[in-house]
Full PDB file with SEQRES, HELIX, SHEET, SSBOND, CRYST1, ORIGX, SCALE, CONECT and MASTER records, all heavy atoms in Angstrom:
SEQRES   1 A   42  ASN GLN GLY GLN VAL GLU LEU ALA LEU ALA VAL ARG ARG          
SEQRES   2 A   42  PHE VAL GLY ARG MET PRO PRO PRO SER SER GLU LYS GLU          
SEQRES   3 A   42  TRP LEU ALA GLU ARG LEU LEU GLU ARG THR ARG SER ARG          
SEQRES   4 A   42  THR ARG VAL                                                  
HELIX    1 AA1 VAL A    5  GLY A   16  1                                  12    
HELIX    2 AA2 GLU A   24  ARG A   41  1                                  18    
CRYST1    1.000    1.000    1.000  90.00  90.00  90.00 P 1           1          
ORIGX1      1.000000  0.000000  0.000000        0.00000                         
ORIGX2      0.000000  1.000000  0.000000        0.00000                         
ORIGX3      0.000000  0.000000  1.000000        0.00000                         
SCALE1      1.000000  0.000000  0.000000        0.00000                         
SCALE2      0.000000  1.000000  0.000000        0.00000                         
SCALE3      0.000000  0.000000  1.000000        0.00000                         
ATOM      1  N   ASN A   1      91.290 117.114 112.190  1.00  0.00           N  
ATOM      2  CA  ASN A   1      90.278 118.171 112.330  1.00  0.00           C  
ATOM      3  C   ASN A   1      89.015 117.602 112.898  1.00  0.00           C  
ATOM      4  O   ASN A   1      88.262 118.386 113.447  1.00  0.00           O  
ATOM      5  CB  ASN A   1      90.132 118.856 110.922  1.00  0.00           C  
ATOM      6  CG  ASN A   1      91.273 119.586 110.460  1.00  0.00           C  
ATOM      7  OD1 ASN A   1      92.077 120.110 111.271  1.00  0.00           O  
ATOM      8  ND2 ASN A   1      91.423 119.787 109.133  1.00  0.00           N  
ATOM      9  N   GLN A   2      88.849 116.343 112.668  1.00  0.00           N  
ATOM     10  CA  GLN A   2      87.552 115.737 113.152  1.00  0.00           C  
ATOM     11  C   GLN A   2      87.791 115.259 114.620  1.00  0.00           C  
ATOM     12  O   GLN A   2      86.826 114.590 115.154  1.00  0.00           O  
ATOM     13  CB  GLN A   2      87.129 114.590 112.284  1.00  0.00           C  
ATOM     14  CG  GLN A   2      86.698 115.080 110.877  1.00  0.00           C  
ATOM     15  CD  GLN A   2      86.348 113.925 109.983  1.00  0.00           C  
ATOM     16  OE1 GLN A   2      86.647 112.729 110.276  1.00  0.00           O  
ATOM     17  NE2 GLN A   2      85.723 114.203 108.822  1.00  0.00           N  
ATOM     18  N   GLY A   3      88.978 115.419 115.223  1.00  0.00           N  
ATOM     19  CA  GLY A   3      89.195 115.060 116.542  1.00  0.00           C  
ATOM     20  C   GLY A   3      89.668 113.556 116.634  1.00  0.00           C  
ATOM     21  O   GLY A   3      89.816 112.982 117.755  1.00  0.00           O  
ATOM     22  N   GLN A   4      89.941 112.835 115.544  1.00  0.00           N  
ATOM     23  CA  GLN A   4      90.328 111.481 115.525  1.00  0.00           C  
ATOM     24  C   GLN A   4      91.854 111.317 115.430  1.00  0.00           C  
ATOM     25  O   GLN A   4      92.412 110.923 114.382  1.00  0.00           O  
ATOM     26  CB  GLN A   4      89.640 110.620 114.441  1.00  0.00           C  
ATOM     27  CG  GLN A   4      88.079 110.748 114.475  1.00  0.00           C  
ATOM     28  CD  GLN A   4      87.467 109.791 113.453  1.00  0.00           C  
ATOM     29  OE1 GLN A   4      87.627 108.665 113.442  1.00  0.00           O  
ATOM     30  NE2 GLN A   4      86.680 110.472 112.556  1.00  0.00           N  
ATOM     31  N   VAL A   5      92.535 111.842 116.431  1.00  0.00           N  
ATOM     32  CA  VAL A   5      93.978 111.928 116.431  1.00  0.00           C  
ATOM     33  C   VAL A   5      94.686 110.570 116.348  1.00  0.00           C  
ATOM     34  O   VAL A   5      95.656 110.368 115.643  1.00  0.00           O  
ATOM     35  CB  VAL A   5      94.510 112.693 117.695  1.00  0.00           C  
ATOM     36  CG1 VAL A   5      95.989 112.824 117.691  1.00  0.00           C  
ATOM     37  CG2 VAL A   5      93.870 114.104 117.743  1.00  0.00           C  
ATOM     38  N   GLU A   6      94.208 109.600 117.137  1.00  0.00           N  
ATOM     39  CA  GLU A   6      94.795 108.273 117.088  1.00  0.00           C  
ATOM     40  C   GLU A   6      94.739 107.693 115.737  1.00  0.00           C  
ATOM     41  O   GLU A   6      95.734 107.035 115.186  1.00  0.00           O  
ATOM     42  CB  GLU A   6      94.132 107.365 118.132  1.00  0.00           C  
ATOM     43  CG  GLU A   6      94.437 107.730 119.548  1.00  0.00           C  
ATOM     44  CD  GLU A   6      95.955 107.520 119.856  1.00  0.00           C  
ATOM     45  OE1 GLU A   6      96.561 106.580 119.315  1.00  0.00           O  
ATOM     46  OE2 GLU A   6      96.495 108.321 120.666  1.00  0.00           O  
ATOM     47  N   LEU A   7      93.543 107.772 115.129  1.00  0.00           N  
ATOM     48  CA  LEU A   7      93.423 107.212 113.722  1.00  0.00           C  
ATOM     49  C   LEU A   7      94.290 107.994 112.815  1.00  0.00           C  
ATOM     50  O   LEU A   7      94.980 107.343 111.858  1.00  0.00           O  
ATOM     51  CB  LEU A   7      91.995 107.293 113.216  1.00  0.00           C  
ATOM     52  CG  LEU A   7      91.638 106.569 111.981  1.00  0.00           C  
ATOM     53  CD1 LEU A   7      92.019 105.087 112.076  1.00  0.00           C  
ATOM     54  CD2 LEU A   7      90.158 106.656 111.728  1.00  0.00           C  
ATOM     55  N   ALA A   8      94.505 109.313 112.901  1.00  0.00           N  
ATOM     56  CA  ALA A   8      95.399 110.086 112.076  1.00  0.00           C  
ATOM     57  C   ALA A   8      96.799 109.565 112.233  1.00  0.00           C  
ATOM     58  O   ALA A   8      97.613 109.466 111.233  1.00  0.00           O  
ATOM     59  CB  ALA A   8      95.247 111.544 112.332  1.00  0.00           C  
ATOM     60  N   LEU A   9      97.218 109.336 113.440  1.00  0.00           N  
ATOM     61  CA  LEU A   9      98.575 108.787 113.777  1.00  0.00           C  
ATOM     62  C   LEU A   9      98.755 107.429 113.107  1.00  0.00           C  
ATOM     63  O   LEU A   9      99.815 107.136 112.554  1.00  0.00           O  
ATOM     64  CB  LEU A   9      98.825 108.751 115.244  1.00  0.00           C  
ATOM     65  CG  LEU A   9      98.984 110.074 115.995  1.00  0.00           C  
ATOM     66  CD1 LEU A   9      99.079 109.792 117.454  1.00  0.00           C  
ATOM     67  CD2 LEU A   9     100.203 110.807 115.451  1.00  0.00           C  
ATOM     68  N   ALA A  10      97.770 106.610 113.107  1.00  0.00           N  
ATOM     69  CA  ALA A  10      97.850 105.311 112.494  1.00  0.00           C  
ATOM     70  C   ALA A  10      98.116 105.476 110.952  1.00  0.00           C  
ATOM     71  O   ALA A  10      98.854 104.686 110.385  1.00  0.00           O  
ATOM     72  CB  ALA A  10      96.608 104.501 112.731  1.00  0.00           C  
ATOM     73  N   VAL A  11      97.352 106.454 110.340  1.00  0.00           N  
ATOM     74  CA  VAL A  11      97.555 106.659 108.939  1.00  0.00           C  
ATOM     75  C   VAL A  11      98.918 107.134 108.653  1.00  0.00           C  
ATOM     76  O   VAL A  11      99.620 106.627 107.711  1.00  0.00           O  
ATOM     77  CB  VAL A  11      96.511 107.749 108.435  1.00  0.00           C  
ATOM     78  CG1 VAL A  11      96.817 108.142 107.080  1.00  0.00           C  
ATOM     79  CG2 VAL A  11      95.130 107.160 108.452  1.00  0.00           C  
ATOM     80  N   ARG A  12      99.508 107.986 109.444  1.00  0.00           N  
ATOM     81  CA  ARG A  12     100.861 108.551 109.216  1.00  0.00           C  
ATOM     82  C   ARG A  12     101.897 107.371 109.411  1.00  0.00           C  
ATOM     83  O   ARG A  12     102.916 107.339 108.776  1.00  0.00           O  
ATOM     84  CB  ARG A  12     101.148 109.700 110.127  1.00  0.00           C  
ATOM     85  CG  ARG A  12     100.222 110.908 109.915  1.00  0.00           C  
ATOM     86  CD  ARG A  12     100.754 112.136 110.644  1.00  0.00           C  
ATOM     87  NE  ARG A  12      99.741 113.217 110.487  1.00  0.00           N  
ATOM     88  CZ  ARG A  12      99.558 114.013 109.481  1.00  0.00           C  
ATOM     89  NH1 ARG A  12     100.279 113.849 108.429  1.00  0.00           N  
ATOM     90  NH2 ARG A  12      98.666 114.961 109.531  1.00  0.00           N  
ATOM     91  N   ARG A  13     101.649 106.554 110.388  1.00  0.00           N  
ATOM     92  CA  ARG A  13     102.581 105.404 110.641  1.00  0.00           C  
ATOM     93  C   ARG A  13     102.526 104.418 109.385  1.00  0.00           C  
ATOM     94  O   ARG A  13     103.533 103.938 109.007  1.00  0.00           O  
ATOM     95  CB  ARG A  13     102.164 104.612 111.889  1.00  0.00           C  
ATOM     96  CG  ARG A  13     102.552 105.298 113.232  1.00  0.00           C  
ATOM     97  CD  ARG A  13     102.496 104.329 114.346  1.00  0.00           C  
ATOM     98  NE  ARG A  13     101.138 103.879 114.608  1.00  0.00           N  
ATOM     99  CZ  ARG A  13     100.317 104.500 115.442  1.00  0.00           C  
ATOM    100  NH1 ARG A  13     100.727 105.566 116.066  1.00  0.00           N  
ATOM    101  NH2 ARG A  13      99.119 104.031 115.608  1.00  0.00           N  
ATOM    102  N   PHE A  14     101.357 104.195 108.874  1.00  0.00           N  
ATOM    103  CA  PHE A  14     101.201 103.405 107.672  1.00  0.00           C  
ATOM    104  C   PHE A  14     102.049 104.006 106.501  1.00  0.00           C  
ATOM    105  O   PHE A  14     102.766 103.300 105.814  1.00  0.00           O  
ATOM    106  CB  PHE A  14      99.779 103.310 107.302  1.00  0.00           C  
ATOM    107  CG  PHE A  14      99.486 102.744 105.965  1.00  0.00           C  
ATOM    108  CD1 PHE A  14      99.668 101.405 105.659  1.00  0.00           C  
ATOM    109  CD2 PHE A  14      99.129 103.552 104.858  1.00  0.00           C  
ATOM    110  CE1 PHE A  14      99.502 100.866 104.413  1.00  0.00           C  
ATOM    111  CE2 PHE A  14      98.992 103.061 103.530  1.00  0.00           C  
ATOM    112  CZ  PHE A  14      99.181 101.746 103.365  1.00  0.00           C  
ATOM    113  N   VAL A  15     101.877 105.330 106.306  1.00  0.00           N  
ATOM    114  CA  VAL A  15     102.703 105.966 105.308  1.00  0.00           C  
ATOM    115  C   VAL A  15     104.172 105.865 105.498  1.00  0.00           C  
ATOM    116  O   VAL A  15     104.933 105.618 104.585  1.00  0.00           O  
ATOM    117  CB  VAL A  15     102.242 107.447 105.108  1.00  0.00           C  
ATOM    118  CG1 VAL A  15     103.159 108.186 104.110  1.00  0.00           C  
ATOM    119  CG2 VAL A  15     100.797 107.540 104.733  1.00  0.00           C  
ATOM    120  N   GLY A  16     104.576 106.041 106.802  1.00  0.00           N  
ATOM    121  CA  GLY A  16     105.973 105.958 107.156  1.00  0.00           C  
ATOM    122  C   GLY A  16     106.595 104.573 106.897  1.00  0.00           C  
ATOM    123  O   GLY A  16     107.765 104.440 106.714  1.00  0.00           O  
ATOM    124  N   ARG A  17     105.692 103.510 106.952  1.00  0.00           N  
ATOM    125  CA  ARG A  17     106.273 102.185 106.754  1.00  0.00           C  
ATOM    126  C   ARG A  17     106.202 101.714 105.320  1.00  0.00           C  
ATOM    127  O   ARG A  17     106.604 100.573 104.982  1.00  0.00           O  
ATOM    128  CB  ARG A  17     105.479 101.206 107.636  1.00  0.00           C  
ATOM    129  CG  ARG A  17     105.683 101.363 109.107  1.00  0.00           C  
ATOM    130  CD  ARG A  17     105.182 100.133 109.847  1.00  0.00           C  
ATOM    131  NE  ARG A  17     103.728 100.023 109.750  1.00  0.00           N  
ATOM    132  CZ  ARG A  17     102.874 100.525 110.620  1.00  0.00           C  
ATOM    133  NH1 ARG A  17     103.308 101.151 111.664  1.00  0.00           N  
ATOM    134  NH2 ARG A  17     101.539 100.313 110.452  1.00  0.00           N  
ATOM    135  N   MET A  18     105.684 102.526 104.402  1.00  0.00           N  
ATOM    136  CA  MET A  18     105.675 102.134 102.994  1.00  0.00           C  
ATOM    137  C   MET A  18     107.077 101.917 102.503  1.00  0.00           C  
ATOM    138  O   MET A  18     107.909 102.789 102.664  1.00  0.00           O  
ATOM    139  CB  MET A  18     105.013 103.275 102.184  1.00  0.00           C  
ATOM    140  CG  MET A  18     103.540 103.366 102.218  1.00  0.00           C  
ATOM    141  SD  MET A  18     102.944 104.659 101.067  1.00  0.00           S  
ATOM    142  CE  MET A  18     101.154 104.459 101.364  1.00  0.00           C  
ATOM    143  N   PRO A  19     107.353 100.872 101.807  1.00  0.00           N  
ATOM    144  CA  PRO A  19     108.632 100.612 101.229  1.00  0.00           C  
ATOM    145  C   PRO A  19     108.855 101.594 100.076  1.00  0.00           C  
ATOM    146  O   PRO A  19     107.857 101.987  99.532  1.00  0.00           O  
ATOM    147  CB  PRO A  19     108.537  99.141 100.756  1.00  0.00           C  
ATOM    148  CG  PRO A  19     107.135  98.865 100.488  1.00  0.00           C  
ATOM    149  CD  PRO A  19     106.398  99.698 101.576  1.00  0.00           C  
ATOM    150  N   PRO A  20     110.100 101.973  99.861  1.00  0.00           N  
ATOM    151  CA  PRO A  20     110.269 102.890  98.685  1.00  0.00           C  
ATOM    152  C   PRO A  20     109.881 102.263  97.345  1.00  0.00           C  
ATOM    153  O   PRO A  20     109.999 101.059  97.162  1.00  0.00           O  
ATOM    154  CB  PRO A  20     111.841 103.089  98.718  1.00  0.00           C  
ATOM    155  CG  PRO A  20     112.403 101.913  99.424  1.00  0.00           C  
ATOM    156  CD  PRO A  20     111.287 101.504 100.453  1.00  0.00           C  
ATOM    157  N   PRO A  21     109.320 103.115  96.438  1.00  0.00           N  
ATOM    158  CA  PRO A  21     108.907 102.547  95.201  1.00  0.00           C  
ATOM    159  C   PRO A  21     110.117 102.084  94.382  1.00  0.00           C  
ATOM    160  O   PRO A  21     111.142 102.793  94.262  1.00  0.00           O  
ATOM    161  CB  PRO A  21     108.208 103.802  94.508  1.00  0.00           C  
ATOM    162  CG  PRO A  21     108.892 105.000  95.131  1.00  0.00           C  
ATOM    163  CD  PRO A  21     109.163 104.510  96.595  1.00  0.00           C  
ATOM    164  N   SER A  22     110.090 100.938  93.871  1.00  0.00           N  
ATOM    165  CA  SER A  22     111.193 100.367  93.148  1.00  0.00           C  
ATOM    166  C   SER A  22     110.731  99.855  91.776  1.00  0.00           C  
ATOM    167  O   SER A  22     109.633  99.252  91.599  1.00  0.00           O  
ATOM    168  CB  SER A  22     111.801  99.173  93.881  1.00  0.00           C  
ATOM    169  OG  SER A  22     112.215  99.573  95.182  1.00  0.00           O  
ATOM    170  N   SER A  23     111.611 100.006  90.776  1.00  0.00           N  
ATOM    171  CA  SER A  23     111.366  99.450  89.527  1.00  0.00           C  
ATOM    172  C   SER A  23     111.749  97.954  89.595  1.00  0.00           C  
ATOM    173  O   SER A  23     112.389  97.506  90.570  1.00  0.00           O  
ATOM    174  CB  SER A  23     112.285 100.057  88.424  1.00  0.00           C  
ATOM    175  OG  SER A  23     113.655  99.829  88.691  1.00  0.00           O  
ATOM    176  N   GLU A  24     111.347  97.223  88.569  1.00  0.00           N  
ATOM    177  CA  GLU A  24     111.663  95.719  88.611  1.00  0.00           C  
ATOM    178  C   GLU A  24     113.165  95.496  88.760  1.00  0.00           C  
ATOM    179  O   GLU A  24     113.615  94.590  89.492  1.00  0.00           O  
ATOM    180  CB  GLU A  24     111.111  95.075  87.331  1.00  0.00           C  
ATOM    181  CG  GLU A  24     111.340  93.544  87.400  1.00  0.00           C  
ATOM    182  CD  GLU A  24     110.838  92.901  86.160  1.00  0.00           C  
ATOM    183  OE1 GLU A  24     111.493  93.096  85.058  1.00  0.00           O  
ATOM    184  OE2 GLU A  24     109.848  92.197  86.151  1.00  0.00           O  
ATOM    185  N   LYS A  25     113.989  96.254  87.944  1.00  0.00           N  
ATOM    186  CA  LYS A  25     115.426  96.097  88.064  1.00  0.00           C  
ATOM    187  C   LYS A  25     115.920  96.399  89.449  1.00  0.00           C  
ATOM    188  O   LYS A  25     116.830  95.647  89.941  1.00  0.00           O  
ATOM    189  CB  LYS A  25     116.111  96.840  86.976  1.00  0.00           C  
ATOM    190  CG  LYS A  25     115.929  96.400  85.580  1.00  0.00           C  
ATOM    191  CD  LYS A  25     116.444  97.297  84.530  1.00  0.00           C  
ATOM    192  CE  LYS A  25     117.923  97.620  84.631  1.00  0.00           C  
ATOM    193  NZ  LYS A  25     118.358  98.571  83.520  1.00  0.00           N  
ATOM    194  N   GLU A  26     115.464  97.408  90.069  1.00  0.00           N  
ATOM    195  CA  GLU A  26     115.954  97.751  91.378  1.00  0.00           C  
ATOM    196  C   GLU A  26     115.555  96.692  92.429  1.00  0.00           C  
ATOM    197  O   GLU A  26     116.296  96.326  93.319  1.00  0.00           O  
ATOM    198  CB  GLU A  26     115.362  99.144  91.777  1.00  0.00           C  
ATOM    199  CG  GLU A  26     115.927 100.316  91.060  1.00  0.00           C  
ATOM    200  CD  GLU A  26     115.244 101.572  91.404  1.00  0.00           C  
ATOM    201  OE1 GLU A  26     114.062 101.520  91.701  1.00  0.00           O  
ATOM    202  OE2 GLU A  26     115.835 102.646  91.201  1.00  0.00           O  
ATOM    203  N   TRP A  27     114.298  96.190  92.252  1.00  0.00           N  
ATOM    204  CA  TRP A  27     113.801  95.098  93.143  1.00  0.00           C  
ATOM    205  C   TRP A  27     114.696  93.840  93.003  1.00  0.00           C  
ATOM    206  O   TRP A  27     115.070  93.239  93.962  1.00  0.00           O  
ATOM    207  CB  TRP A  27     112.402  94.812  92.729  1.00  0.00           C  
ATOM    208  CG  TRP A  27     111.740  93.786  93.673  1.00  0.00           C  
ATOM    209  CD1 TRP A  27     111.263  93.882  94.989  1.00  0.00           C  
ATOM    210  CD2 TRP A  27     111.570  92.405  93.295  1.00  0.00           C  
ATOM    211  NE1 TRP A  27     110.799  92.727  95.374  1.00  0.00           N  
ATOM    212  CE2 TRP A  27     110.964  91.728  94.404  1.00  0.00           C  
ATOM    213  CE3 TRP A  27     111.866  91.651  92.226  1.00  0.00           C  
ATOM    214  CZ2 TRP A  27     110.592  90.372  94.450  1.00  0.00           C  
ATOM    215  CZ3 TRP A  27     111.575  90.238  92.217  1.00  0.00           C  
ATOM    216  CH2 TRP A  27     110.882  89.661  93.279  1.00  0.00           C  
ATOM    217  N   LEU A  28     114.991  93.493  91.750  1.00  0.00           N  
ATOM    218  CA  LEU A  28     115.821  92.354  91.536  1.00  0.00           C  
ATOM    219  C   LEU A  28     117.228  92.505  92.069  1.00  0.00           C  
ATOM    220  O   LEU A  28     117.908  91.618  92.595  1.00  0.00           O  
ATOM    221  CB  LEU A  28     115.889  91.979  89.998  1.00  0.00           C  
ATOM    222  CG  LEU A  28     114.671  91.332  89.435  1.00  0.00           C  
ATOM    223  CD1 LEU A  28     114.725  91.266  87.895  1.00  0.00           C  
ATOM    224  CD2 LEU A  28     114.466  89.943  89.992  1.00  0.00           C  
ATOM    225  N   ALA A  29     117.754  93.793  91.865  1.00  0.00           N  
ATOM    226  CA  ALA A  29     119.108  94.032  92.343  1.00  0.00           C  
ATOM    227  C   ALA A  29     119.216  93.913  93.854  1.00  0.00           C  
ATOM    228  O   ALA A  29     120.155  93.424  94.394  1.00  0.00           O  
ATOM    229  CB  ALA A  29     119.489  95.516  91.943  1.00  0.00           C  
ATOM    230  N   GLU A  30     118.187  94.371  94.581  1.00  0.00           N  
ATOM    231  CA  GLU A  30     118.140  94.249  96.069  1.00  0.00           C  
ATOM    232  C   GLU A  30     118.127  92.741  96.418  1.00  0.00           C  
ATOM    233  O   GLU A  30     118.766  92.395  97.419  1.00  0.00           O  
ATOM    234  CB  GLU A  30     116.941  95.010  96.602  1.00  0.00           C  
ATOM    235  CG  GLU A  30     116.927  94.953  98.141  1.00  0.00           C  
ATOM    236  CD  GLU A  30     118.093  95.465  98.797  1.00  0.00           C  
ATOM    237  OE1 GLU A  30     118.814  96.382  98.307  1.00  0.00           O  
ATOM    238  OE2 GLU A  30     118.512  94.952  99.924  1.00  0.00           O  
ATOM    239  N   ARG A  31     117.355  91.976  95.722  1.00  0.00           N  
ATOM    240  CA  ARG A  31     117.258  90.499  96.032  1.00  0.00           C  
ATOM    241  C   ARG A  31     118.640  89.887  95.820  1.00  0.00           C  
ATOM    242  O   ARG A  31     119.043  89.061  96.551  1.00  0.00           O  
ATOM    243  CB  ARG A  31     116.282  89.843  95.131  1.00  0.00           C  
ATOM    244  CG  ARG A  31     114.801  90.415  95.188  1.00  0.00           C  
ATOM    245  CD  ARG A  31     114.033  90.008  96.526  1.00  0.00           C  
ATOM    246  NE  ARG A  31     114.396  90.925  97.668  1.00  0.00           N  
ATOM    247  CZ  ARG A  31     113.974  92.185  97.751  1.00  0.00           C  
ATOM    248  NH1 ARG A  31     113.148  92.643  96.716  1.00  0.00           N  
ATOM    249  NH2 ARG A  31     114.220  92.920  98.745  1.00  0.00           N  
ATOM    250  N   LEU A  32     119.249  90.192  94.735  1.00  0.00           N  
ATOM    251  CA  LEU A  32     120.612  89.705  94.405  1.00  0.00           C  
ATOM    252  C   LEU A  32     121.611  90.068  95.459  1.00  0.00           C  
ATOM    253  O   LEU A  32     122.419  89.235  95.877  1.00  0.00           O  
ATOM    254  CB  LEU A  32     121.032  90.056  92.986  1.00  0.00           C  
ATOM    255  CG  LEU A  32     120.330  89.468  91.813  1.00  0.00           C  
ATOM    256  CD1 LEU A  32     120.709  90.081  90.523  1.00  0.00           C  
ATOM    257  CD2 LEU A  32     120.519  87.958  91.724  1.00  0.00           C  
ATOM    258  N   LEU A  33     121.586  91.325  95.836  1.00  0.00           N  
ATOM    259  CA  LEU A  33     122.549  91.820  96.842  1.00  0.00           C  
ATOM    260  C   LEU A  33     122.306  91.168  98.181  1.00  0.00           C  
ATOM    261  O   LEU A  33     123.302  90.781  98.880  1.00  0.00           O  
ATOM    262  CB  LEU A  33     122.479  93.317  96.883  1.00  0.00           C  
ATOM    263  CG  LEU A  33     123.006  94.184  95.735  1.00  0.00           C  
ATOM    264  CD1 LEU A  33     122.672  95.585  95.873  1.00  0.00           C  
ATOM    265  CD2 LEU A  33     124.500  93.958  95.536  1.00  0.00           C  
ATOM    266  N   GLU A  34     121.061  91.014  98.561  1.00  0.00           N  
ATOM    267  CA  GLU A  34     120.707  90.312  99.846  1.00  0.00           C  
ATOM    268  C   GLU A  34     121.120  88.877  99.832  1.00  0.00           C  
ATOM    269  O   GLU A  34     121.648  88.367 100.821  1.00  0.00           O  
ATOM    270  CB  GLU A  34     119.209  90.499 100.075  1.00  0.00           C  
ATOM    271  CG  GLU A  34     118.748  89.759 101.373  1.00  0.00           C  
ATOM    272  CD  GLU A  34     119.405  90.202 102.605  1.00  0.00           C  
ATOM    273  OE1 GLU A  34     119.758  91.428 102.616  1.00  0.00           O  
ATOM    274  OE2 GLU A  34     119.708  89.438 103.537  1.00  0.00           O  
ATOM    275  N   ARG A  35     121.010  88.159  98.700  1.00  0.00           N  
ATOM    276  CA  ARG A  35     121.489  86.812  98.571  1.00  0.00           C  
ATOM    277  C   ARG A  35     122.967  86.814  98.712  1.00  0.00           C  
ATOM    278  O   ARG A  35     123.543  85.890  99.367  1.00  0.00           O  
ATOM    279  CB  ARG A  35     121.019  86.258  97.203  1.00  0.00           C  
ATOM    280  CG  ARG A  35     121.323  84.772  97.064  1.00  0.00           C  
ATOM    281  CD  ARG A  35     120.859  84.206  95.724  1.00  0.00           C  
ATOM    282  NE  ARG A  35     119.466  84.458  95.548  1.00  0.00           N  
ATOM    283  CZ  ARG A  35     118.761  84.164  94.443  1.00  0.00           C  
ATOM    284  NH1 ARG A  35     119.415  83.615  93.396  1.00  0.00           N  
ATOM    285  NH2 ARG A  35     117.463  84.379  94.438  1.00  0.00           N  
ATOM    286  N   THR A  36     123.674  87.738  98.102  1.00  0.00           N  
ATOM    287  CA  THR A  36     125.133  87.783  98.204  1.00  0.00           C  
ATOM    288  C   THR A  36     125.587  88.002  99.707  1.00  0.00           C  
ATOM    289  O   THR A  36     126.554  87.435 100.198  1.00  0.00           O  
ATOM    290  CB  THR A  36     125.684  88.899  97.306  1.00  0.00           C  
ATOM    291  OG1 THR A  36     125.332  88.638  96.006  1.00  0.00           O  
ATOM    292  CG2 THR A  36     127.250  88.898  97.403  1.00  0.00           C  
ATOM    293  N   ARG A  37     124.890  88.944 100.265  1.00  0.00           N  
ATOM    294  CA  ARG A  37     125.217  89.273 101.713  1.00  0.00           C  
ATOM    295  C   ARG A  37     124.952  88.121 102.605  1.00  0.00           C  
ATOM    296  O   ARG A  37     125.686  87.782 103.527  1.00  0.00           O  
ATOM    297  CB  ARG A  37     124.406  90.457 102.261  1.00  0.00           C  
ATOM    298  CG  ARG A  37     124.853  91.813 101.614  1.00  0.00           C  
ATOM    299  CD  ARG A  37     124.159  92.922 102.306  1.00  0.00           C  
ATOM    300  NE  ARG A  37     122.784  92.995 102.084  1.00  0.00           N  
ATOM    301  CZ  ARG A  37     122.164  93.796 101.139  1.00  0.00           C  
ATOM    302  NH1 ARG A  37     122.996  94.493 100.360  1.00  0.00           N  
ATOM    303  NH2 ARG A  37     120.890  93.828 100.968  1.00  0.00           N  
ATOM    304  N   SER A  38     123.842  87.396 102.351  1.00  0.00           N  
ATOM    305  CA  SER A  38     123.493  86.151 103.120  1.00  0.00           C  
ATOM    306  C   SER A  38     124.553  85.039 102.980  1.00  0.00           C  
ATOM    307  O   SER A  38     124.964  84.439 103.884  1.00  0.00           O  
ATOM    308  CB  SER A  38     122.206  85.646 102.710  1.00  0.00           C  
ATOM    309  OG  SER A  38     121.834  84.405 103.406  1.00  0.00           O  
ATOM    310  N   ARG A  39     125.015  84.863 101.712  1.00  0.00           N  
ATOM    311  CA  ARG A  39     126.061  83.873 101.491  1.00  0.00           C  
ATOM    312  C   ARG A  39     127.301  84.277 102.145  1.00  0.00           C  
ATOM    313  O   ARG A  39     128.103  83.382 102.664  1.00  0.00           O  
ATOM    314  CB  ARG A  39     126.247  83.641  99.938  1.00  0.00           C  
ATOM    315  CG  ARG A  39     125.094  82.986  99.272  1.00  0.00           C  
ATOM    316  CD  ARG A  39     125.277  82.891  97.776  1.00  0.00           C  
ATOM    317  NE  ARG A  39     124.253  82.245  97.073  1.00  0.00           N  
ATOM    318  CZ  ARG A  39     124.141  82.080  95.787  1.00  0.00           C  
ATOM    319  NH1 ARG A  39     124.995  82.709  94.985  1.00  0.00           N  
ATOM    320  NH2 ARG A  39     123.124  81.417  95.267  1.00  0.00           N  
ATOM    321  N   THR A  40     127.709  85.560 102.187  1.00  0.00           N  
ATOM    322  CA  THR A  40     128.878  86.000 102.819  1.00  0.00           C  
ATOM    323  C   THR A  40     128.819  85.770 104.304  1.00  0.00           C  
ATOM    324  O   THR A  40     129.827  85.265 104.918  1.00  0.00           O  
ATOM    325  CB  THR A  40     129.051  87.518 102.542  1.00  0.00           C  
ATOM    326  OG1 THR A  40     129.189  87.675 101.082  1.00  0.00           O  
ATOM    327  CG2 THR A  40     130.394  87.943 103.192  1.00  0.00           C  
ATOM    328  N   ARG A  41     127.623  86.002 104.958  1.00  0.00           N  
ATOM    329  CA  ARG A  41     127.517  85.780 106.359  1.00  0.00           C  
ATOM    330  C   ARG A  41     127.642  84.281 106.717  1.00  0.00           C  
ATOM    331  O   ARG A  41     128.397  83.982 107.670  1.00  0.00           O  
ATOM    332  CB  ARG A  41     126.155  86.274 106.873  1.00  0.00           C  
ATOM    333  CG  ARG A  41     126.002  87.802 106.918  1.00  0.00           C  
ATOM    334  CD  ARG A  41     124.828  88.200 107.736  1.00  0.00           C  
ATOM    335  NE  ARG A  41     123.599  87.668 107.104  1.00  0.00           N  
ATOM    336  CZ  ARG A  41     122.853  88.406 106.190  1.00  0.00           C  
ATOM    337  NH1 ARG A  41     123.276  89.594 105.872  1.00  0.00           N  
ATOM    338  NH2 ARG A  41     121.794  87.887 105.757  1.00  0.00           N  
ATOM    339  N   VAL A  42     127.054  83.454 105.847  1.00  0.00           N  
ATOM    340  CA  VAL A  42     127.165  82.028 106.088  1.00  0.00           C  
ATOM    341  C   VAL A  42     128.640  81.539 105.933  1.00  0.00           C  
ATOM    342  O   VAL A  42     129.106  80.746 106.766  1.00  0.00           O  
ATOM    343  CB  VAL A  42     126.308  81.230 105.038  1.00  0.00           C  
ATOM    344  CG1 VAL A  42     126.555  79.748 105.091  1.00  0.00           C  
ATOM    345  CG2 VAL A  42     124.816  81.541 105.342  1.00  0.00           C  
TER     346      VAL A  42                                                      
MASTER        0    0    0    2    0    0    0    6  345    1    0    4          
END                                                                             
């Protein structure tokens, strides 16, 4: 509304890149699964 379209787009990109909110257990689960996937690839 103030005519600052580029800055508004930057704000929306920032929001779009926010990682999903995770509880501690979900965060640990993702780390464990990623470690398992990495070992499988190796």
